[in-house]
Amino acid sequence: MSGWGADSGWGDSGAHGVEVEVYTADYRVRGRMQTRFQRAAEIMNLVAAPHVILDQATVTAYGEGQDAFEADQLAINFDAILLAVVAGTEAAPASAEGMVIPKRRVPAEIIVPPFFVRGTIHITQGSRPIDSLLNASERFLAVTDASISCASSPSLNREAAVVAVNRNGAQLLVVGDDENRDELLADVLSEEKARDWLGSGEETPET
């Protein structure tokens, strides 16, 4: 039930444990997950059960002064997961000889309330960034060199080499391109405005 782990009958097929940090709308959960896969987005996208099972889990509610609690094993509703950080993983799948799909890096900013994620996505060469982002079939999108911030709970702010973002939970997605990176993104949605929205729950009035 935990991403093709031992309890799904794959225990003898190369399953291994990875450290995972999962964020829902209300909780951060840290624990260990069994999986056969190596890449952050693959680990999340190829979960074949309605719940993700984490061992040695620690759960913390958002907000100041919230106590954490621990569980030997914990089930998390897969649909409730907004972000997932998997330790020691990369973004792109390994390419077999003769099956290389050229990709390029473009900047992206994603609002998945209550989080603001800024980083880089990898898209197929020759495609428009927004088309590649919206037309992908996988639920979770890998964002590399990511900055995660939460205006309502600043203690959750962090950097991550790779974060898997639930595109179904994203309310706003902004992508730039290789040239004029800062201008392209700032013209549409500044990080300050995004954090203000997430902190107040209301859009800033137009001036």
C-alpha atoms as a PDB file:
ATOM      1  CA  MET A   1       0.000   0.000   0.000  1.00  0.00           C
ATOM      2  CA  SER A   2       2.998   2.318   0.297  1.00  0.00           C
ATOM      3  CA  GLY A   3       4.255   2.765  -3.231  1.00  0.00           C
ATOM      4  CA  TRP A   4       4.789  -0.890  -4.119  1.00  0.00           C
ATOM      5  CA  GLY A   5       6.411  -1.666  -0.803  1.00  0.00           C
ATOM      6  CA  ALA A   6       6.653  -4.894   1.139  1.00  0.00           C
ATOM      7  CA  ASP A   7       2.982  -4.862   2.135  1.00  0.00           C
ATOM      8  CA  SER A   8       1.983  -4.755  -1.559  1.00  0.00           C
ATOM      9  CA  GLY A   9       3.705  -8.008  -2.421  1.00  0.00           C
ATOM     10  CA  TRP A  10       6.828  -6.304  -3.800  1.00  0.00           C
ATOM     11  CA  GLY A  11       9.026  -6.849  -0.757  1.00  0.00           C
ATOM     12  CA  ASP A  12      11.312  -9.212  -2.689  1.00  0.00           C
ATOM     13  CA  SER A  13      11.447  -7.053  -5.849  1.00  0.00           C
ATOM     14  CA  GLY A  14      13.942  -4.375  -4.943  1.00  0.00           C
ATOM     15  CA  ALA A  15      11.846  -2.370  -2.485  1.00  0.00           C
ATOM     16  CA  HIS A  16      13.849  -0.050  -0.258  1.00  0.00           C
ATOM     17  CA  GLY A  17      13.100   2.552   2.376  1.00  0.00           C
ATOM     18  CA  VAL A  18      13.306   6.302   1.749  1.00  0.00           C
ATOM     19  CA  GLU A  19      12.872   9.222   4.118  1.00  0.00           C
ATOM     20  CA  VAL A  20       9.790  11.244   3.141  1.00  0.00           C
ATOM     21  CA  GLU A  21       8.372  14.570   4.285  1.00  0.00           C
ATOM     22  CA  VAL A  22       4.719  14.952   3.285  1.00  0.00           C
ATOM     23  CA  TYR A  23       2.687  18.161   3.519  1.00  0.00           C
ATOM     24  CA  THR A  24      -1.123  18.299   3.549  1.00  0.00           C
ATOM     25  CA  ALA A  25      -3.268  21.407   4.042  1.00  0.00           C
ATOM     26  CA  ASP A  26      -2.986  21.038   7.831  1.00  0.00           C
ATOM     27  CA  TYR A  27      -0.148  18.652   8.713  1.00  0.00           C
ATOM     28  CA  ARG A  28       3.501  17.909   8.064  1.00  0.00           C
ATOM     29  CA  VAL A  29       4.333  14.215   8.326  1.00  0.00           C
ATOM     30  CA  ARG A  30       7.841  12.794   8.380  1.00  0.00           C
ATOM     31  CA  GLY A  31       8.528   9.107   8.105  1.00  0.00           C
ATOM     32  CA  ARG A  32       9.935   6.232   6.095  1.00  0.00           C
ATOM     33  CA  MET A  33       8.255   4.836   2.984  1.00  0.00           C
ATOM     34  CA  GLN A  34       8.854   1.579   1.125  1.00  0.00           C
ATOM     35  CA  THR A  35       9.208   1.917  -2.657  1.00  0.00           C
ATOM     36  CA  ARG A  36      10.850   0.309  -5.682  1.00  0.00           C
ATOM     37  CA  PHE A  37      11.560   3.632  -7.362  1.00  0.00           C
ATOM     38  CA  GLN A  38      14.402   6.136  -7.224  1.00  0.00           C
ATOM     39  CA  ARG A  39      12.984   9.492  -8.368  1.00  0.00           C
ATOM     40  CA  ALA A  40      10.765  11.788  -6.297  1.00  0.00           C
ATOM     41  CA  ALA A  41       7.957  12.179  -8.859  1.00  0.00           C
ATOM     42  CA  GLU A  42       8.005   8.462  -9.736  1.00  0.00           C
ATOM     43  CA  ILE A  43       7.711   7.497  -6.077  1.00  0.00           C
ATOM     44  CA  MET A  44       4.567   9.595  -5.702  1.00  0.00           C
ATOM     45  CA  ASN A  45       2.995   9.072  -9.140  1.00  0.00           C
ATOM     46  CA  LEU A  46       3.273   5.285  -9.039  1.00  0.00           C
ATOM     47  CA  VAL A  47       1.560   4.782  -5.690  1.00  0.00           C
ATOM     48  CA  ALA A  48      -1.142   2.229  -6.481  1.00  0.00           C
ATOM     49  CA  ALA A  49      -3.247   2.600  -3.342  1.00  0.00           C
ATOM     50  CA  PRO A  50      -5.580   5.240  -1.868  1.00  0.00           C
ATOM     51  CA  HIS A  51      -3.234   5.737   1.090  1.00  0.00           C
ATOM     52  CA  VAL A  52       0.501   6.224   1.528  1.00  0.00           C
ATOM     53  CA  ILE A  53       1.923   4.244   4.446  1.00  0.00           C
ATOM     54  CA  LEU A  54       4.781   5.781   6.445  1.00  0.00           C
ATOM     55  CA  ASP A  55       6.709   3.970   9.186  1.00  0.00           C
ATOM     56  CA  GLN A  56       8.180   5.714  12.255  1.00  0.00           C
ATOM     57  CA  ALA A  57       6.038   8.748  11.454  1.00  0.00           C
ATOM     58  CA  THR A  58       6.060  12.123  13.201  1.00  0.00           C
ATOM     59  CA  VAL A  59       3.035  14.388  12.684  1.00  0.00           C
ATOM     60  CA  THR A  60       3.019  18.131  13.348  1.00  0.00           C
ATOM     61  CA  ALA A  61       0.010  20.421  12.914  1.00  0.00           C
ATOM     62  CA  TYR A  62       0.693  23.824  11.380  1.00  0.00           C
ATOM     63  CA  GLY A  63       0.788  26.879  13.578  1.00  0.00           C
ATOM     64  CA  GLU A  64       2.893  28.038  16.486  1.00  0.00           C
ATOM     65  CA  GLY A  65       3.113  25.921  19.615  1.00  0.00           C
ATOM     66  CA  GLN A  66       1.606  22.789  18.092  1.00  0.00           C
ATOM     67  CA  ASP A  67       2.731  19.524  19.691  1.00  0.00           C
ATOM     68  CA  ALA A  68       3.945  16.677  17.485  1.00  0.00           C
ATOM     69  CA  PHE A  69       2.874  13.077  17.920  1.00  0.00           C
ATOM     70  CA  GLU A  70       4.478   9.861  16.717  1.00  0.00           C
ATOM     71  CA  ALA A  71       3.156   6.614  15.250  1.00  0.00           C
ATOM     72  CA  ASP A  72       4.909   3.382  14.355  1.00  0.00           C
ATOM     73  CA  GLN A  73       2.866   3.280  11.152  1.00  0.00           C
ATOM     74  CA  LEU A  74       0.573   5.907   9.672  1.00  0.00           C
ATOM     75  CA  ALA A  75      -1.754   5.987   6.639  1.00  0.00           C
ATOM     76  CA  ILE A  76      -2.079   9.281   4.745  1.00  0.00           C
ATOM     77  CA  ASN A  77      -4.905   9.915   2.301  1.00  0.00           C
ATOM     78  CA  PHE A  78      -3.119  10.115  -1.046  1.00  0.00           C
ATOM     79  CA  ASP A  79      -5.502  12.783  -2.374  1.00  0.00           C
ATOM     80  CA  ALA A  80      -4.696  15.043   0.597  1.00  0.00           C
ATOM     81  CA  ILE A  81      -0.970  15.257  -0.161  1.00  0.00           C
ATOM     82  CA  LEU A  82       0.025  18.670  -1.555  1.00  0.00           C
ATOM     83  CA  LEU A  83       3.821  18.386  -1.493  1.00  0.00           C
ATOM     84  CA  ALA A  84       6.324  15.621  -0.869  1.00  0.00           C
ATOM     85  CA  VAL A  85      10.070  15.877  -0.314  1.00  0.00           C
ATOM     86  CA  VAL A  86      11.930  12.578  -0.684  1.00  0.00           C
ATOM     87  CA  ALA A  87      15.487  12.509   0.628  1.00  0.00           C
ATOM     88  CA  GLY A  88      18.286  11.586  -1.759  1.00  0.00           C
ATOM     89  CA  THR A  89      16.239  11.654  -4.968  1.00  0.00           C
ATOM     90  CA  GLU A  90      16.485  13.490  -8.253  1.00  0.00           C
ATOM     91  CA  ALA A  91      13.913  14.913 -10.654  1.00  0.00           C
ATOM     92  CA  ALA A  92      14.238  13.285 -14.053  1.00  0.00           C
ATOM     93  CA  PRO A  93      13.979   9.522 -14.675  1.00  0.00           C
ATOM     94  CA  ALA A  94      17.110   7.727 -15.802  1.00  0.00           C
ATOM     95  CA  SER A  95      17.271   7.425 -19.576  1.00  0.00           C
ATOM     96  CA  ALA A  96      18.015   4.124 -21.256  1.00  0.00           C
ATOM     97  CA  GLU A  97      20.361   4.132 -24.226  1.00  0.00           C
ATOM     98  CA  GLY A  98      18.440   5.052 -27.383  1.00  0.00           C
ATOM     99  CA  MET A  99      15.480   6.353 -25.349  1.00  0.00           C
ATOM    100  CA  VAL A 100      16.759   9.771 -24.306  1.00  0.00           C
ATOM    101  CA  ILE A 101      14.088  12.504 -24.353  1.00  0.00           C
ATOM    102  CA  PRO A 102      15.813  15.902 -24.529  1.00  0.00           C
ATOM    103  CA  LYS A 103      14.522  18.324 -21.913  1.00  0.00           C
ATOM    104  CA  ARG A 104      15.255  21.854 -20.881  1.00  0.00           C
ATOM    105  CA  ARG A 105      14.956  23.725 -17.612  1.00  0.00           C
ATOM    106  CA  VAL A 106      12.476  26.571 -17.105  1.00  0.00           C
ATOM    107  CA  PRO A 107      11.570  28.554 -13.975  1.00  0.00           C
ATOM    108  CA  ALA A 108       8.211  27.991 -12.317  1.00  0.00           C
ATOM    109  CA  GLU A 109       6.198  29.375  -9.418  1.00  0.00           C
ATOM    110  CA  ILE A 110       3.321  27.346  -8.028  1.00  0.00           C
ATOM    111  CA  ILE A 111       0.760  28.271  -5.374  1.00  0.00           C
ATOM    112  CA  VAL A 112      -0.602  25.228  -3.575  1.00  0.00           C
ATOM    113  CA  PRO A 113      -2.325  26.823  -0.570  1.00  0.00           C
ATOM    114  CA  PRO A 114      -0.973  27.357   1.993  1.00  0.00           C
ATOM    115  CA  PHE A 115       2.364  26.932   0.174  1.00  0.00           C
ATOM    116  CA  PHE A 116       4.291  28.960  -2.375  1.00  0.00           C
ATOM    117  CA  VAL A 117       6.822  26.894  -4.346  1.00  0.00           C
ATOM    118  CA  ARG A 118       9.481  28.456  -6.530  1.00  0.00           C
ATOM    119  CA  GLY A 119      12.018  26.475  -8.554  1.00  0.00           C
ATOM    120  CA  THR A 120      12.741  24.803 -11.888  1.00  0.00           C
ATOM    121  CA  ILE A 121      10.751  22.292 -13.952  1.00  0.00           C
ATOM    122  CA  HIS A 122      12.044  20.140 -16.795  1.00  0.00           C
ATOM    123  CA  ILE A 123      10.062  20.214 -20.042  1.00  0.00           C
ATOM    124  CA  THR A 124      10.395  18.497 -23.407  1.00  0.00           C
ATOM    125  CA  GLN A 125      12.472  20.351 -25.968  1.00  0.00           C
ATOM    126  CA  GLY A 126      10.349  22.236 -28.493  1.00  0.00           C
ATOM    127  CA  SER A 127       7.270  22.489 -26.276  1.00  0.00           C
ATOM    128  CA  ARG A 128       5.831  25.638 -24.726  1.00  0.00           C
ATOM    129  CA  PRO A 129       6.448  25.710 -20.960  1.00  0.00           C
ATOM    130  CA  ILE A 130       2.784  26.179 -20.027  1.00  0.00           C
ATOM    131  CA  ASP A 131       1.649  23.379 -22.378  1.00  0.00           C
ATOM    132  CA  SER A 132       4.182  20.971 -20.929  1.00  0.00           C
ATOM    133  CA  LEU A 133       3.063  21.883 -17.424  1.00  0.00           C
ATOM    134  CA  LEU A 134      -0.693  21.609 -17.954  1.00  0.00           C
ATOM    135  CA  ASN A 135      -0.868  18.681 -20.379  1.00  0.00           C
ATOM    136  CA  ALA A 136       1.264  16.206 -18.445  1.00  0.00           C
ATOM    137  CA  SER A 137      -0.616  13.118 -17.307  1.00  0.00           C
ATOM    138  CA  GLU A 138       1.168  12.596 -13.981  1.00  0.00           C
ATOM    139  CA  ARG A 139      -0.430  13.977 -10.831  1.00  0.00           C
ATOM    140  CA  PHE A 140       2.846  15.004  -9.188  1.00  0.00           C
ATOM    141  CA  LEU A 141       5.255  17.412 -10.840  1.00  0.00           C
ATOM    142  CA  ALA A 142       8.950  17.472  -9.903  1.00  0.00           C
ATOM    143  CA  VAL A 143      10.322  20.931  -9.070  1.00  0.00           C
ATOM    144  CA  THR A 144      14.088  21.126  -8.589  1.00  0.00           C
ATOM    145  CA  ASP A 145      16.175  23.656  -6.656  1.00  0.00           C
ATOM    146  CA  ALA A 146      12.943  24.454  -4.862  1.00  0.00           C
ATOM    147  CA  SER A 147      12.115  27.094  -2.285  1.00  0.00           C
ATOM    148  CA  ILE A 148       9.024  26.310  -0.198  1.00  0.00           C
ATOM    149  CA  SER A 149       7.397  29.006   1.893  1.00  0.00           C
ATOM    150  CA  CYS A 150       4.253  29.254   3.992  1.00  0.00           C
ATOM    151  CA  ALA A 151       3.213  32.746   5.091  1.00  0.00           C
ATOM    152  CA  SER A 152       0.846  31.473   7.787  1.00  0.00           C
ATOM    153  CA  SER A 153       3.489  29.113   9.278  1.00  0.00           C
ATOM    154  CA  PRO A 154       6.992  30.480   8.562  1.00  0.00           C
ATOM    155  CA  SER A 155       8.568  27.578  10.451  1.00  0.00           C
ATOM    156  CA  LEU A 156       7.677  25.412   7.434  1.00  0.00           C
ATOM    157  CA  ASN A 157       9.849  27.483   5.064  1.00  0.00           C
ATOM    158  CA  ARG A 158      12.630  25.394   3.565  1.00  0.00           C
ATOM    159  CA  GLU A 159      14.799  24.629   0.553  1.00  0.00           C
ATOM    160  CA  ALA A 160      14.746  21.253  -1.206  1.00  0.00           C
ATOM    161  CA  ALA A 161      16.740  19.731  -4.052  1.00  0.00           C
ATOM    162  CA  VAL A 162      13.493  18.237  -5.380  1.00  0.00           C
ATOM    163  CA  VAL A 163       9.867  18.590  -4.299  1.00  0.00           C
ATOM    164  CA  ALA A 164       6.969  16.651  -5.831  1.00  0.00           C
ATOM    165  CA  VAL A 165       4.019  19.055  -6.190  1.00  0.00           C
ATOM    166  CA  ASN A 166       0.418  17.869  -6.565  1.00  0.00           C
ATOM    167  CA  ARG A 167      -0.717  19.704  -9.709  1.00  0.00           C
ATOM    168  CA  ASN A 168      -4.383  19.000  -8.859  1.00  0.00           C
ATOM    169  CA  GLY A 169      -3.972  21.029  -5.671  1.00  0.00           C
ATOM    170  CA  ALA A 170      -2.302  23.963  -7.403  1.00  0.00           C
ATOM    171  CA  GLN A 171      -4.472  27.068  -7.741  1.00  0.00           C
ATOM    172  CA  LEU A 172      -1.966  29.188  -9.672  1.00  0.00           C
ATOM    173  CA  LEU A 173       0.936  28.110 -11.884  1.00  0.00           C
ATOM    174  CA  VAL A 174       3.370  30.535 -13.493  1.00  0.00           C
ATOM    175  CA  VAL A 175       6.174  29.502 -15.819  1.00  0.00           C
ATOM    176  CA  GLY A 176       8.828  31.661 -17.398  1.00  0.00           C
ATOM    177  CA  ASP A 177      11.501  30.772 -19.908  1.00  0.00           C
ATOM    178  CA  ASP A 178      15.269  30.698 -20.109  1.00  0.00           C
ATOM    179  CA  GLU A 179      15.671  34.349 -21.089  1.00  0.00           C
ATOM    180  CA  ASN A 180      14.873  37.234 -18.725  1.00  0.00           C
ATOM    181  CA  ARG A 181      13.873  34.803 -16.008  1.00  0.00           C
ATOM    182  CA  ASP A 182      13.329  37.313 -13.206  1.00  0.00           C
ATOM    183  CA  GLU A 183      11.384  39.812 -15.327  1.00  0.00           C
ATOM    184  CA  LEU A 184       9.083  37.169 -16.792  1.00  0.00           C
ATOM    185  CA  LEU A 185       7.966  35.850 -13.432  1.00  0.00           C
ATOM    186  CA  ALA A 186       7.853  39.126 -11.543  1.00  0.00           C
ATOM    187  CA  ASP A 187       5.659  40.716 -14.237  1.00  0.00           C
ATOM    188  CA  VAL A 188       2.966  38.127 -13.555  1.00  0.00           C
ATOM    189  CA  LEU A 189       3.207  37.233  -9.879  1.00  0.00           C
ATOM    190  CA  SER A 190       5.755  38.559  -7.426  1.00  0.00           C
ATOM    191  CA  GLU A 191       6.814  36.355  -4.538  1.00  0.00           C
ATOM    192  CA  GLU A 192       5.834  39.107  -2.075  1.00  0.00           C
ATOM    193  CA  LYS A 193       2.283  39.288  -3.463  1.00  0.00           C
ATOM    194  CA  ALA A 194       1.929  35.506  -3.458  1.00  0.00           C
ATOM    195  CA  ARG A 195       2.976  35.296   0.176  1.00  0.00           C
ATOM    196  CA  ASP A 196       0.588  38.119   1.093  1.00  0.00           C
ATOM    197  CA  TRP A 197      -2.295  36.235  -0.494  1.00  0.00           C
ATOM    198  CA  LEU A 198      -1.423  33.001   1.259  1.00  0.00           C
ATOM    199  CA  GLY A 199      -1.032  34.752   4.599  1.00  0.00           C
ATOM    200  CA  SER A 200      -4.263  36.727   4.520  1.00  0.00           C
ATOM    201  CA  GLY A 201      -6.481  34.446   2.493  1.00  0.00           C
ATOM    202  CA  GLU A 202      -7.550  37.442   0.417  1.00  0.00           C
ATOM    203  CA  GLU A 203      -6.263  38.808  -2.853  1.00  0.00           C
ATOM    204  CA  THR A 204      -4.533  42.169  -2.780  1.00  0.00           C
ATOM    205  CA  PRO A 205      -6.818  44.798  -4.389  1.00  0.00           C
ATOM    206  CA  GLU A 206      -5.696  46.055  -7.787  1.00  0.00           C
ATOM    207  CA  THR A 207      -4.301  49.541  -7.810  1.00  0.00           C
END
